[in-house]
Protein backbone atom coordinates (compact mmCIF):
# COMPACT_ATOMS: atom_id res chain seq x y z
CA UNK A 1 0.00 0.00 0.00
CA UNK A 2 1.56 3.32 -1.07
CA UNK A 3 1.95 6.16 1.37
CA UNK A 4 -0.14 9.26 0.85
CA UNK A 5 2.04 12.22 -0.04
CA UNK A 6 1.87 15.15 2.33
CA UNK A 7 -0.04 18.08 0.89
CA UNK A 8 2.23 20.90 -0.34
CA UNK A 9 2.72 23.78 2.05
CA UNK A 10 0.62 26.86 1.38
CA UNK A 11 2.30 29.91 -0.14
CA UNK A 12 1.89 31.68 3.19
CA UNK A 13 3.65 28.81 4.97
CA UNK A 14 6.42 28.76 2.37
CA UNK A 15 6.92 32.52 2.72
CA UNK A 16 6.96 32.23 6.50
CA UNK A 17 9.58 29.46 6.43
CA UNK A 18 11.76 31.30 3.91
CA UNK A 19 11.74 34.66 5.69
CA UNK A 20 12.26 33.08 9.12
CA UNK A 21 15.22 31.06 7.79
CA UNK A 22 16.84 34.22 6.47
CA UNK A 23 16.36 35.95 9.82
CA UNK A 24 17.77 33.01 11.77
CA UNK A 25 20.83 32.57 9.55
CA UNK A 26 21.60 36.28 9.60
CA UNK A 27 20.81 37.04 5.95
CA UNK A 28 18.26 39.50 7.28
CA UNK A 29 20.17 41.06 10.18
CA UNK A 30 18.68 43.07 13.08
CA UNK A 31 17.28 46.35 11.76
CA UNK A 32 16.98 45.05 8.18
CA UNK A 33 13.97 46.59 6.43
CA UNK A 34 11.62 43.93 5.07
CA UNK A 35 10.24 45.24 1.79
CA UNK A 36 7.24 43.02 1.12
CA UNK A 37 7.17 43.54 -2.66
CA UNK A 38 10.87 42.67 -2.98
CA UNK A 39 10.51 39.54 -0.83
CA UNK A 40 7.46 38.47 -2.82
CA UNK A 41 9.41 38.90 -6.05
CA UNK A 42 12.34 36.89 -4.69
CA UNK A 43 10.04 34.06 -3.60
CA UNK A 44 7.88 34.12 -6.71
CA UNK A 45 4.64 34.76 -4.83
CA UNK A 46 2.23 37.65 -4.38
CA UNK A 47 2.51 40.16 -1.55
CA UNK A 48 -0.46 38.64 0.32
CA UNK A 49 1.29 35.46 1.67
CA UNK A 50 4.38 37.50 2.50
CA UNK A 51 2.26 39.93 4.53
CA UNK A 52 0.71 36.99 6.38
CA UNK A 53 4.18 35.56 7.06
CA UNK A 54 5.44 38.89 8.39
CA UNK A 55 2.48 39.11 10.77
CA UNK A 56 3.29 35.65 12.14
CA UNK A 57 6.92 36.64 12.61
CA UNK A 58 5.84 39.82 14.38
CA UNK A 59 3.79 37.72 16.81
CA UNK A 60 6.92 35.64 17.48
CA UNK A 61 8.96 38.75 18.19
CA UNK A 62 11.25 38.35 15.19
CA UNK A 63 9.82 41.33 13.33
CA UNK A 64 8.66 44.74 14.47
CA UNK A 65 6.87 47.63 12.78
CA UNK A 66 8.38 51.11 12.95
CA UNK A 67 6.57 54.29 12.07
CA UNK A 68 7.59 55.68 8.68
CA UNK A 69 9.80 52.63 8.12
CA UNK A 70 7.58 49.57 8.05
CA UNK A 71 8.56 46.04 8.98
CA UNK A 72 12.11 45.51 10.21
CA UNK A 73 13.95 42.60 11.77
CA UNK A 74 13.93 42.88 15.56
CA UNK A 75 17.18 43.28 17.41
CA UNK A 76 18.43 40.67 19.85
CA UNK A 77 16.97 41.29 23.29
CA UNK A 78 20.07 41.35 25.52
CA UNK A 79 18.09 40.65 28.69
CA UNK A 80 16.42 37.60 27.18
CA UNK A 81 19.79 36.42 25.92
CA UNK A 82 21.31 36.83 29.39
CA UNK A 83 18.56 34.82 31.09
CA UNK A 84 18.64 32.11 28.43
CA UNK A 85 22.41 31.66 28.64
CA UNK A 86 22.41 31.69 32.44
CA UNK A 87 19.72 29.01 32.53
CA UNK A 88 21.36 26.94 29.81
CA UNK A 89 24.71 26.98 31.59
CA UNK A 90 23.06 25.41 34.65
CA UNK A 91 20.85 22.80 32.99
CA UNK A 92 23.30 21.85 30.25
CA UNK A 93 26.09 21.52 32.78
CA UNK A 94 23.93 19.14 34.81
CA UNK A 95 22.84 17.20 31.71
CA UNK A 96 26.45 16.79 30.56
CA UNK A 97 27.55 15.52 33.97
CA UNK A 98 24.68 13.04 34.13
CA UNK A 99 25.41 11.88 30.58
CA UNK A 100 29.15 11.38 31.13
CA UNK A 101 29.02 7.78 32.47
CA UNK A 102 26.87 6.81 29.48
CA UNK A 103 29.07 8.36 26.81
CA UNK A 104 31.06 5.68 24.98
CA UNK A 105 34.17 5.72 22.81
CA UNK A 106 32.08 6.06 19.63
CA UNK A 107 30.36 9.15 21.05
CA UNK A 108 33.70 10.68 22.00
CA UNK A 109 35.03 10.02 18.49
CA UNK A 110 31.94 11.62 16.94
CA UNK A 111 32.17 14.70 19.17
CA UNK A 112 35.89 15.04 18.46
CA UNK A 113 35.25 14.82 14.70
CA UNK A 114 32.69 17.62 14.96
CA UNK A 115 35.14 19.69 16.99
CA UNK A 116 37.76 19.22 14.28
CA UNK A 117 35.26 20.53 11.74
CA UNK A 118 34.79 23.55 14.00
CA UNK A 119 38.57 24.04 14.12
CA UNK A 120 38.73 23.94 10.32
CA UNK A 121 35.83 26.39 10.18
CA UNK A 122 37.99 28.92 12.01
CA UNK A 123 40.21 29.28 8.92
CA UNK A 124 37.41 30.93 6.91
CA UNK A 125 35.06 31.81 9.71
CA UNK A 126 31.37 31.20 9.12
CA UNK A 127 29.51 31.99 12.38
CA UNK A 128 26.26 30.32 11.29
CA UNK A 129 27.99 27.04 10.34
CA UNK A 130 30.16 27.22 13.46
CA UNK A 131 27.07 27.63 15.65
CA UNK A 132 25.36 24.67 13.97
CA UNK A 133 28.44 22.50 14.54
CA UNK A 134 28.63 23.76 18.12
CA UNK A 135 25.12 22.48 18.78
CA UNK A 136 25.99 19.15 17.14
CA UNK A 137 29.00 18.83 19.45
CA UNK A 138 27.09 19.58 22.63
CA UNK A 139 24.22 17.32 21.62
CA UNK A 140 26.60 14.35 21.76
CA UNK A 141 27.49 15.30 25.34
CA UNK A 142 24.02 15.92 26.75
CA UNK A 143 21.69 13.64 24.75
CA UNK A 144 22.46 10.62 26.97
CA UNK A 145 21.11 12.48 30.00
CA UNK A 146 18.84 9.99 31.83
CA UNK A 147 16.72 12.75 33.37
CA UNK A 148 14.07 13.67 30.76
CA UNK A 149 13.03 16.83 32.59
CA UNK A 150 16.55 18.27 32.55
CA UNK A 151 16.98 17.22 28.93
CA UNK A 152 13.74 18.99 28.01
CA UNK A 153 15.01 22.19 29.64
CA UNK A 154 18.24 21.95 27.65
CA UNK A 155 16.32 21.58 24.38
CA UNK A 156 14.14 24.54 25.28
CA UNK A 157 17.23 26.63 25.96
CA UNK A 158 18.76 25.81 22.58
CA UNK A 159 15.45 26.50 20.83
CA UNK A 160 15.20 29.84 22.57
CA UNK A 161 18.70 30.76 21.42
CA UNK A 162 17.68 29.89 17.86
CA UNK A 163 14.63 32.15 18.11
CA UNK A 164 16.95 34.94 19.30
CA UNK A 165 19.05 34.34 16.18
CA UNK A 166 21.89 33.97 18.57
CA UNK A 167 25.03 33.10 16.72
CA UNK A 168 27.00 34.78 19.49
CA UNK A 169 30.17 34.04 17.57
CA UNK A 170 29.05 36.59 14.97
CA UNK A 171 29.59 39.28 17.61
CA UNK A 172 32.60 37.76 19.38
CA UNK A 173 34.45 35.70 16.74
CA UNK A 174 37.57 35.53 18.92
CA UNK A 175 35.59 33.46 21.42
CA UNK A 176 35.30 30.66 18.84
CA UNK A 177 39.00 29.72 19.17
CA UNK A 178 38.73 29.34 22.95
CA UNK A 179 35.48 27.41 22.59
CA UNK A 180 37.12 24.72 20.44
CA UNK A 181 39.93 24.29 22.97
CA UNK A 182 37.44 24.05 25.83
CA UNK A 183 35.54 21.36 23.92
CA UNK A 184 38.65 19.21 23.80
CA UNK A 185 39.22 19.75 27.53
CA UNK A 186 35.63 18.62 28.21
CA UNK A 187 36.14 15.48 26.14
CA UNK A 188 39.31 14.63 28.05
CA UNK A 189 37.48 14.98 31.37
CA UNK A 190 34.79 12.57 30.18
CA UNK A 191 37.32 10.15 28.69
CA UNK A 192 39.31 9.96 31.90
CA UNK A 193 36.26 9.42 34.11
CA UNK A 194 36.53 12.72 35.97
CA UNK A 195 34.10 13.35 38.84
CA UNK A 196 30.62 14.52 37.88
CA UNK A 197 31.15 17.76 39.81
CA UNK A 198 34.27 18.57 37.78
CA UNK A 199 32.55 17.87 34.46
CA UNK A 200 29.52 19.93 35.42
CA UNK A 201 31.69 22.87 36.50
CA UNK A 202 33.70 22.77 33.26
CA UNK A 203 30.53 22.65 31.15
CA UNK A 204 28.98 25.55 33.06
CA UNK A 205 32.12 27.70 32.82
CA UNK A 206 32.35 26.96 29.11
CA UNK A 207 28.83 28.30 28.57
CA UNK A 208 29.20 31.29 30.89
CA UNK A 209 32.49 32.29 29.21
CA UNK A 210 30.58 32.81 25.96
CA UNK A 211 28.02 34.94 27.79
CA UNK A 212 30.79 36.99 29.43
CA UNK A 213 32.45 37.57 26.06
CA UNK A 214 29.16 38.80 24.61
CA UNK A 215 28.45 41.13 27.54
CA UNK A 216 31.98 42.54 27.35
CA UNK A 217 31.43 43.78 23.80
CA UNK A 218 27.76 44.78 24.18
CA UNK A 219 26.89 48.51 24.10
CA UNK A 220 27.71 50.04 27.48
CA UNK A 221 24.09 50.94 28.16
CA UNK A 222 23.05 47.32 27.71
CA UNK A 223 26.05 45.81 29.45
CA UNK A 224 25.60 48.05 32.45
CA UNK A 225 21.95 47.21 32.93
CA UNK A 226 22.60 43.50 32.42
CA UNK A 227 25.54 43.22 34.78
CA UNK A 228 23.44 44.85 37.49
CA UNK A 229 20.84 42.09 37.26
């Protein structure tokens, strides 16, 4: 019995997916003006589905409307980024520590291969690709977490970062070099059977170091208000 093919996505859905993808990967950067007619022409659709897509993206906080300007890509909310990274450092650190005894040699080899790809990526730096590889690396380390509630919180944190379009490495590319080295240090801790507390601390510091690097380069007005929280 043949499977029934899924119905094709509506033009509105296609426009939504296309525009959101461009926002997430940085093609449409914060402040970018979204000209509906131009987007419609690029996608080969009318303005109507593009308008519907923009409204959905506005509801998600990815787009905002400015007087005399129109629709623009929203900037990254530094407060939301701070809270997300703080939370992720805690739950991902715990998930990594709980996963460690269940991580085998094949997992280590896979994570190390991804980290080598990240190292190669540093030669001609692509922050979007680097961020994608970074998530692949960390997934190997936390996906074995036996606590489903903690694992769910980790996934939510990563999804929230994606919705913030947070390729932090776009803003602090120098941090990428340190991140790769810290990955290798984490792998060595797991390989050698280090104590759970040591692994958790290393994973948390690794995450918080990225946050600190971002806050250090953020506009003073934002950095000051964030550091006070």
